[in-house]
Amino acid sequence: MRKQYDFSKAKRNPYAKRLKRQITIRLDVETVAYFNGLAAETGIPYQALINLYLRDCAASRKRLALEWRPEQHRAA
């Protein structure tokens, strides 16, 4: 191993923009169990499966059909 290396002609990693970033996300137990089951069937780690699913949703611009109804307070 050299004591010093010359990086003056080094090139930036062209794939650096595609690198993943570690985050914390809260998922319910059933969701994790579902992806763990898929992981066991496919041999793909469950976190990779979740990432693939979310990437597919983002690429296809999938939108959730959410309807928010604030809980009405009842008079006693």
N, C-alpha and C. Protein backbone atom coordinates (compact mmCIF):
# COMPACT_ATOMS: atom_id res chain seq x y z
N MET A 1 0.84 -1.17 0.00
CA MET A 1 0.00 0.00 0.00
C MET A 1 0.89 1.24 0.00
N ARG A 2 0.54 2.18 -0.83
CA ARG A 2 1.33 3.41 -0.92
C ARG A 2 1.02 4.35 0.24
N LYS A 3 1.98 5.20 0.56
CA LYS A 3 1.75 6.20 1.60
C LYS A 3 0.88 7.33 1.07
N GLN A 4 0.99 7.63 -0.23
CA GLN A 4 0.20 8.69 -0.85
C GLN A 4 -0.29 8.22 -2.21
N TYR A 5 -1.45 8.70 -2.60
CA TYR A 5 -2.03 8.39 -3.89
C TYR A 5 -2.31 9.69 -4.63
N ASP A 6 -2.21 9.65 -5.95
CA ASP A 6 -2.47 10.83 -6.77
C ASP A 6 -3.88 10.74 -7.34
N PHE A 7 -4.77 11.59 -6.84
CA PHE A 7 -6.16 11.61 -7.31
C PHE A 7 -6.42 12.78 -8.25
N SER A 8 -5.37 13.42 -8.76
CA SER A 8 -5.54 14.60 -9.61
C SER A 8 -6.26 14.29 -10.92
N LYS A 9 -6.17 13.05 -11.39
CA LYS A 9 -6.83 12.67 -12.65
C LYS A 9 -8.07 11.82 -12.41
N ALA A 10 -8.53 11.78 -11.17
CA ALA A 10 -9.70 10.98 -10.83
C ALA A 10 -10.97 11.60 -11.40
N LYS A 11 -11.94 10.77 -11.71
CA LYS A 11 -13.24 11.23 -12.21
C LYS A 11 -14.29 10.98 -11.15
N ARG A 12 -15.29 11.86 -11.11
CA ARG A 12 -16.39 11.67 -10.18
C ARG A 12 -17.21 10.45 -10.58
N ASN A 13 -17.80 9.83 -9.60
CA ASN A 13 -18.64 8.66 -9.84
C ASN A 13 -19.89 9.09 -10.61
N PRO A 14 -20.10 8.58 -11.83
CA PRO A 14 -21.28 8.99 -12.61
C PRO A 14 -22.59 8.48 -12.02
N TYR A 15 -22.52 7.53 -11.12
CA TYR A 15 -23.72 6.96 -10.52
C TYR A 15 -24.02 7.54 -9.14
N ALA A 16 -23.26 8.53 -8.73
CA ALA A 16 -23.40 9.09 -7.38
C ALA A 16 -24.80 9.62 -7.13
N LYS A 17 -25.44 10.18 -8.16
CA LYS A 17 -26.79 10.72 -7.98
C LYS A 17 -27.82 9.63 -7.74
N ARG A 18 -27.50 8.41 -8.12
CA ARG A 18 -28.44 7.30 -7.97
C ARG A 18 -28.27 6.56 -6.64
N LEU A 19 -27.34 7.01 -5.82
CA LEU A 19 -27.10 6.35 -4.55
C LEU A 19 -28.31 6.49 -3.64
N LYS A 20 -28.44 5.58 -2.74
CA LYS A 20 -29.55 5.61 -1.80
C LYS A 20 -29.19 6.41 -0.56
N ARG A 21 -30.21 6.90 0.09
CA ARG A 21 -30.02 7.66 1.32
C ARG A 21 -30.78 6.95 2.44
N GLN A 22 -30.13 6.79 3.56
CA GLN A 22 -30.74 6.12 4.69
C GLN A 22 -31.69 7.09 5.40
N ILE A 23 -32.92 6.61 5.65
CA ILE A 23 -33.91 7.40 6.37
C ILE A 23 -34.58 6.50 7.40
N THR A 24 -35.37 7.11 8.26
CA THR A 24 -36.19 6.35 9.20
C THR A 24 -37.63 6.51 8.76
N ILE A 25 -38.35 5.41 8.66
CA ILE A 25 -39.75 5.44 8.26
C ILE A 25 -40.52 4.50 9.17
N ARG A 26 -41.68 4.92 9.58
CA ARG A 26 -42.51 4.09 10.45
C ARG A 26 -43.56 3.36 9.62
N LEU A 27 -43.52 2.04 9.68
CA LEU A 27 -44.46 1.20 8.95
C LEU A 27 -45.20 0.32 9.93
N ASP A 28 -46.46 0.03 9.63
CA ASP A 28 -47.20 -0.84 10.55
C ASP A 28 -46.73 -2.29 10.39
N VAL A 29 -47.02 -3.07 11.40
CA VAL A 29 -46.54 -4.46 11.47
C VAL A 29 -47.02 -5.28 10.28
N GLU A 30 -48.27 -5.08 9.87
CA GLU A 30 -48.83 -5.85 8.75
C GLU A 30 -48.10 -5.56 7.45
N THR A 31 -47.73 -4.30 7.23
CA THR A 31 -47.01 -3.93 6.01
C THR A 31 -45.64 -4.60 5.96
N VAL A 32 -44.93 -4.54 7.07
CA VAL A 32 -43.60 -5.16 7.14
C VAL A 32 -43.73 -6.68 6.95
N ALA A 33 -44.74 -7.28 7.56
CA ALA A 33 -44.96 -8.73 7.42
C ALA A 33 -45.24 -9.08 5.95
N TYR A 34 -46.03 -8.26 5.28
CA TYR A 34 -46.34 -8.51 3.87
C TYR A 34 -45.06 -8.51 3.03
N PHE A 35 -44.22 -7.49 3.21
CA PHE A 35 -42.99 -7.41 2.42
C PHE A 35 -41.98 -8.47 2.85
N ASN A 36 -41.98 -8.86 4.12
CA ASN A 36 -41.13 -9.98 4.56
C ASN A 36 -41.55 -11.27 3.88
N GLY A 37 -42.85 -11.47 3.73
CA GLY A 37 -43.35 -12.65 3.01
C GLY A 37 -42.91 -12.66 1.56
N LEU A 38 -43.03 -11.50 0.91
CA LEU A 38 -42.57 -11.39 -0.48
C LEU A 38 -41.07 -11.63 -0.57
N ALA A 39 -40.34 -11.15 0.42
CA ALA A 39 -38.89 -11.34 0.43
C ALA A 39 -38.54 -12.82 0.51
N ALA A 40 -39.27 -13.55 1.34
CA ALA A 40 -39.02 -14.99 1.48
C ALA A 40 -39.31 -15.72 0.17
N GLU A 41 -40.36 -15.28 -0.54
CA GLU A 41 -40.73 -15.92 -1.81
C GLU A 41 -39.74 -15.61 -2.93
N THR A 42 -39.27 -14.37 -2.98
CA THR A 42 -38.47 -13.92 -4.11
C THR A 42 -36.97 -13.98 -3.86
N GLY A 43 -36.57 -13.98 -2.58
CA GLY A 43 -35.14 -13.95 -2.27
C GLY A 43 -34.56 -12.54 -2.35
N ILE A 44 -35.43 -11.53 -2.47
CA ILE A 44 -35.00 -10.13 -2.51
C ILE A 44 -35.24 -9.55 -1.12
N PRO A 45 -34.29 -8.84 -0.54
CA PRO A 45 -34.49 -8.27 0.80
C PRO A 45 -35.75 -7.38 0.85
N TYR A 46 -36.45 -7.43 1.97
CA TYR A 46 -37.72 -6.73 2.08
C TYR A 46 -37.57 -5.22 1.90
N GLN A 47 -36.46 -4.65 2.35
CA GLN A 47 -36.27 -3.21 2.18
C GLN A 47 -36.10 -2.85 0.71
N ALA A 48 -35.45 -3.73 -0.05
CA ALA A 48 -35.30 -3.50 -1.49
C ALA A 48 -36.67 -3.59 -2.17
N LEU A 49 -37.51 -4.51 -1.73
CA LEU A 49 -38.86 -4.64 -2.30
C LEU A 49 -39.70 -3.39 -2.02
N ILE A 50 -39.62 -2.88 -0.81
CA ILE A 50 -40.35 -1.66 -0.47
C ILE A 50 -39.85 -0.52 -1.34
N ASN A 51 -38.53 -0.42 -1.53
CA ASN A 51 -37.96 0.63 -2.38
C ASN A 51 -38.43 0.48 -3.82
N LEU A 52 -38.45 -0.74 -4.34
CA LEU A 52 -38.91 -0.97 -5.71
C LEU A 52 -40.37 -0.57 -5.87
N TYR A 53 -41.20 -0.92 -4.88
CA TYR A 53 -42.62 -0.57 -4.94
C TYR A 53 -42.81 0.94 -4.91
N LEU A 54 -42.12 1.62 -4.00
CA LEU A 54 -42.25 3.07 -3.91
C LEU A 54 -41.71 3.75 -5.16
N ARG A 55 -40.62 3.23 -5.71
CA ARG A 55 -40.07 3.79 -6.95
C ARG A 55 -41.07 3.65 -8.09
N ASP A 56 -41.74 2.49 -8.17
CA ASP A 56 -42.75 2.27 -9.20
C ASP A 56 -43.92 3.25 -9.03
N CYS A 57 -44.34 3.45 -7.79
CA CYS A 57 -45.42 4.41 -7.52
C CYS A 57 -45.01 5.82 -7.95
N ALA A 58 -43.79 6.22 -7.64
CA ALA A 58 -43.32 7.55 -8.00
C ALA A 58 -43.19 7.70 -9.52
N ALA A 59 -42.67 6.67 -10.18
CA ALA A 59 -42.47 6.73 -11.63
C ALA A 59 -43.80 6.82 -12.38
N SER A 60 -44.82 6.12 -11.88
CA SER A 60 -46.13 6.14 -12.53
C SER A 60 -47.03 7.24 -11.99
N ARG A 61 -46.48 8.05 -11.07
CA ARG A 61 -47.22 9.17 -10.47
C ARG A 61 -48.53 8.71 -9.83
N LYS A 62 -48.48 7.54 -9.18
CA LYS A 62 -49.64 7.00 -8.49
C LYS A 62 -50.07 7.93 -7.37
N ARG A 63 -51.35 8.14 -7.22
CA ARG A 63 -51.89 8.99 -6.17
C ARG A 63 -52.87 8.17 -5.34
N LEU A 64 -52.81 8.36 -4.04
CA LEU A 64 -53.76 7.69 -3.16
C LEU A 64 -55.11 8.38 -3.24
N ALA A 65 -56.16 7.60 -3.12
CA ALA A 65 -57.50 8.16 -3.07
C ALA A 65 -57.84 8.36 -1.59
N LEU A 66 -57.47 9.50 -1.06
CA LEU A 66 -57.70 9.80 0.35
C LEU A 66 -58.90 10.71 0.51
N GLU A 67 -59.65 10.42 1.53
CA GLU A 67 -60.77 11.30 1.87
C GLU A 67 -60.72 11.52 3.36
N TRP A 68 -60.48 12.74 3.76
CA TRP A 68 -60.32 13.08 5.17
C TRP A 68 -61.62 13.66 5.69
N ARG A 69 -62.14 13.04 6.73
CA ARG A 69 -63.34 13.54 7.38
C ARG A 69 -63.02 13.76 8.84
N PRO A 70 -62.88 15.01 9.25
CA PRO A 70 -62.61 15.26 10.67
C PRO A 70 -63.74 14.71 11.53
N GLU A 71 -63.34 14.12 12.64
CA GLU A 71 -64.33 13.54 13.54
C GLU A 71 -65.21 14.65 14.12
N GLN A 72 -66.53 14.44 14.02
CA GLN A 72 -67.46 15.45 14.55
C GLN A 72 -67.66 15.20 16.04
N HIS A 73 -67.65 16.28 16.78
CA HIS A 73 -67.86 16.17 18.23
C HIS A 73 -69.35 16.07 18.51
N ARG A 74 -69.68 15.15 19.35
CA ARG A 74 -71.09 14.96 19.72
C ARG A 74 -71.37 15.66 21.02
N ALA A 75 -72.53 16.25 21.10
CA ALA A 75 -72.96 16.88 22.36
C ALA A 75 -73.44 15.79 23.31
N ALA A 76 -73.03 15.87 24.55
CA ALA A 76 -73.40 14.84 25.53
C ALA A 76 -74.77 15.05 26.09
